[in-house]
Protein backbone atom coordinates (compact mmCIF):
# COMPACT_ATOMS: atom_id res chain seq x y z
CA UNK A 1 0.00 0.00 0.00
CA UNK A 2 2.91 2.36 0.68
CA UNK A 3 4.07 2.19 -2.93
CA UNK A 4 0.50 2.78 -4.11
CA UNK A 5 0.22 5.89 -1.95
CA UNK A 6 3.63 7.09 -3.10
CA UNK A 7 2.67 6.61 -6.75
CA UNK A 8 -0.62 8.40 -6.19
CA UNK A 9 1.16 11.25 -4.48
CA UNK A 10 3.60 11.80 -7.33
CA UNK A 11 1.02 11.50 -10.08
CA UNK A 12 -1.55 13.76 -8.46
CA UNK A 13 0.45 16.66 -7.03
CA UNK A 14 1.08 18.32 -10.38
CA UNK A 15 -2.21 20.02 -11.08
CA UNK A 16 -4.11 21.62 -8.22
CA UNK A 17 -3.53 22.45 -4.60
CA UNK A 18 -7.05 21.58 -3.47
CA UNK A 19 -7.11 19.03 -0.63
CA UNK A 20 -9.01 15.96 -1.71
CA UNK A 21 -9.57 12.37 -0.58
CA UNK A 22 -7.53 9.26 -1.14
CA UNK A 23 -4.51 9.76 1.09
CA UNK A 24 -5.01 13.54 1.19
CA UNK A 25 -3.52 14.03 -2.24
CA UNK A 26 -4.07 16.79 -4.78
CA UNK A 27 -6.37 15.97 -7.66
CA UNK A 28 -4.70 15.83 -11.06
CA UNK A 29 -6.27 16.22 -14.44
CA UNK A 30 -3.44 17.22 -16.77
CA UNK A 31 -5.10 19.40 -19.37
CA UNK A 32 -8.41 18.92 -17.55
CA UNK A 33 -7.58 21.14 -14.57
CA UNK A 34 -10.96 22.85 -14.82
CA UNK A 35 -12.78 19.52 -14.69
CA UNK A 36 -10.64 18.44 -11.74
CA UNK A 37 -11.50 21.59 -9.81
CA UNK A 38 -15.18 21.15 -10.65
CA UNK A 39 -15.01 17.55 -9.42
CA UNK A 40 -13.49 18.67 -6.15
CA UNK A 41 -16.23 21.26 -5.66
CA UNK A 42 -18.84 18.46 -5.82
CA UNK A 43 -17.40 17.00 -2.61
CA UNK A 44 -18.82 18.31 0.64
CA UNK A 45 -16.74 17.91 3.81
CA UNK A 46 -18.95 16.96 6.71
CA UNK A 47 -18.65 15.59 10.22
CA UNK A 48 -19.40 11.88 10.52
CA UNK A 49 -20.16 11.25 14.20
CA UNK A 50 -19.11 8.12 16.08
CA UNK A 51 -21.73 5.39 15.72
CA UNK A 52 -23.22 6.74 12.49
CA UNK A 53 -24.25 4.06 10.02
CA UNK A 54 -23.36 5.29 6.53
CA UNK A 55 -25.20 2.37 4.94
CA UNK A 56 -26.65 -0.99 5.93
CA UNK A 57 -25.92 -4.23 4.09
CA UNK A 58 -28.22 -4.45 1.08
CA UNK A 59 -29.21 -0.77 1.14
CA UNK A 60 -29.21 1.18 -2.10
CA UNK A 61 -25.97 3.19 -2.13
CA UNK A 62 -26.89 6.86 -2.57
CA UNK A 63 -23.54 8.44 -1.66
CA UNK A 64 -19.85 7.79 -1.22
CA UNK A 65 -17.65 9.10 1.56
CA UNK A 66 -13.91 9.63 1.48
CA UNK A 67 -12.85 9.71 5.16
CA UNK A 68 -10.38 12.47 6.00
CA UNK A 69 -9.71 11.66 9.67
CA UNK A 70 -12.67 9.38 10.40
CA UNK A 71 -12.49 5.58 10.46
CA UNK A 72 -15.29 3.41 9.10
CA UNK A 73 -15.71 -0.28 9.90
CA UNK A 74 -17.16 -2.57 7.22
CA UNK A 75 -19.00 -5.52 8.72
CA UNK A 76 -20.94 -8.46 7.35
CA UNK A 77 -23.64 -10.55 9.00
CA UNK A 78 -22.92 -14.20 9.67
CA UNK A 79 -25.40 -17.08 9.47
CA UNK A 80 -25.62 -17.26 13.28
CA UNK A 81 -26.75 -13.61 13.48
CA UNK A 82 -23.42 -12.20 14.63
CA UNK A 83 -21.45 -9.68 12.62
CA UNK A 84 -17.78 -9.69 11.68
CA UNK A 85 -15.56 -6.85 10.62
CA UNK A 86 -14.17 -7.56 7.18
CA UNK A 87 -12.44 -4.25 6.56
CA UNK A 88 -11.89 -0.67 7.59
CA UNK A 89 -11.72 2.51 5.56
CA UNK A 90 -9.69 5.52 6.58
CA UNK A 91 -8.15 8.34 4.58
CA UNK A 92 -6.72 5.87 2.08
CA UNK A 93 -10.03 5.01 0.48
CA UNK A 94 -13.74 5.39 0.15
CA UNK A 95 -16.97 4.01 1.54
CA UNK A 96 -19.26 2.98 -1.33
CA UNK A 97 -16.71 1.33 -3.60
CA UNK A 98 -19.45 -0.81 -5.15
CA UNK A 99 -20.76 2.28 -6.97
CA UNK A 100 -17.71 2.59 -9.24
CA UNK A 101 -17.93 -1.13 -9.93
CA UNK A 102 -21.52 -0.75 -11.18
CA UNK A 103 -23.19 -2.02 -8.01
CA UNK A 104 -26.41 -0.66 -6.58
CA UNK A 105 -25.85 -1.94 -3.05
CA UNK A 106 -23.15 -3.29 -0.76
CA UNK A 107 -23.11 -6.58 1.16
CA UNK A 108 -21.53 -4.75 4.10
CA UNK A 109 -22.63 -2.36 6.81
CA UNK A 110 -20.51 0.80 7.08
CA UNK A 111 -20.28 2.07 10.67
CA UNK A 112 -18.23 5.07 11.84
CA UNK A 113 -15.92 3.84 14.62
CA UNK A 114 -13.79 6.98 14.86
CA UNK A 115 -15.55 10.30 14.55
CA UNK A 116 -14.07 12.73 12.09
CA UNK A 117 -14.63 14.42 8.79
CA UNK A 118 -15.24 12.92 5.37
CA UNK A 119 -15.73 14.27 1.88
CA UNK A 120 -19.08 13.01 0.66
CA UNK A 121 -20.70 13.06 -2.75
CA UNK A 122 -23.88 11.69 -4.25
CA UNK A 123 -23.78 8.66 -6.49
CA UNK A 124 -24.45 10.88 -9.52
CA UNK A 125 -21.67 13.35 -8.62
CA UNK A 126 -19.15 10.55 -8.10
CA UNK A 127 -20.00 8.93 -11.42
CA UNK A 128 -19.67 12.28 -13.19
CA UNK A 129 -16.24 12.77 -11.59
CA UNK A 130 -15.29 9.16 -12.34
CA UNK A 131 -16.15 9.39 -16.04
CA UNK A 132 -14.95 12.97 -16.51
CA UNK A 133 -11.54 12.84 -14.80
CA UNK A 134 -9.23 10.12 -16.11
CA UNK A 135 -6.72 10.49 -13.26
CA UNK A 136 -9.48 10.00 -10.67
CA UNK A 137 -10.89 7.04 -12.60
CA UNK A 138 -7.48 5.35 -12.71
CA UNK A 139 -6.88 6.05 -9.03
CA UNK A 140 -10.23 4.64 -7.93
CA UNK A 141 -9.80 1.55 -10.10
CA UNK A 142 -6.34 0.97 -8.59
CA UNK A 143 -7.89 1.32 -5.14
CA UNK A 144 -10.55 -1.25 -6.10
CA UNK A 145 -7.80 -3.60 -7.30
CA UNK A 146 -5.96 -3.18 -3.99
CA UNK A 147 -9.13 -3.95 -2.05
CA UNK A 148 -9.77 -7.09 -4.11
CA UNK A 149 -6.19 -8.22 -3.48
CA UNK A 150 -6.59 -7.70 0.25
CA UNK A 151 -9.73 -9.83 0.20
CA UNK A 152 -8.06 -12.57 -1.87
CA UNK A 153 -5.11 -12.99 0.49
CA UNK A 154 -7.00 -14.36 3.52
CA UNK A 155 -9.17 -16.49 1.24
CA UNK A 156 -6.07 -18.10 -0.25
CA UNK A 157 -4.52 -18.54 3.19
CA UNK A 158 -7.69 -20.08 4.60
CA UNK A 159 -7.82 -22.47 1.65
CA UNK A 160 -4.30 -23.65 2.41
CA UNK A 161 -4.92 -23.53 6.17
CA UNK A 162 -1.60 -21.75 6.54
CA UNK A 163 -0.81 -19.24 9.25
CA UNK A 164 2.30 -18.12 7.39
CA UNK A 165 0.63 -16.04 4.70
CA UNK A 166 1.90 -12.48 4.68
CA UNK A 167 1.54 -11.49 1.04
CA UNK A 168 0.00 -12.50 -2.22
CA UNK A 169 2.56 -13.06 -4.95
CA UNK A 170 2.86 -10.15 -7.31
CA UNK A 171 1.32 -7.51 -5.00
């Protein structure tokens, strides 16, 4: 993840000085600086209080949130009625990843476990930014790839019943 953040930092610092999500980087757009600035203006920073549920499992996703200093726990319900944390999102990512992958809902519940601020945008605003700003599109797709890799690692380890799994080859 460190190399991902480093790469993001170098590729995105060139265009604007507006603070934006995904590791607190600057949003790049090359010749599309105007579009990048417009995309940033669609994000509204707001307080996300401790204990706030951003979405329930199965709910229609209406917005995405890029935590700035908040921490969001992603949980899933088990067959026995209990819930298990399967991930956490801080300032390195976004809550509502399913939207950029074409999903209408998420199988997880997103619960704020550390109060803070987050940039939030409607589904429509995110998709406009996603399709209109190539640098943002590439960044979000790389983030999605990283998330999929992090999910694959424990699955592979559980399949092999090995406690000595620290990385997935090639990532």
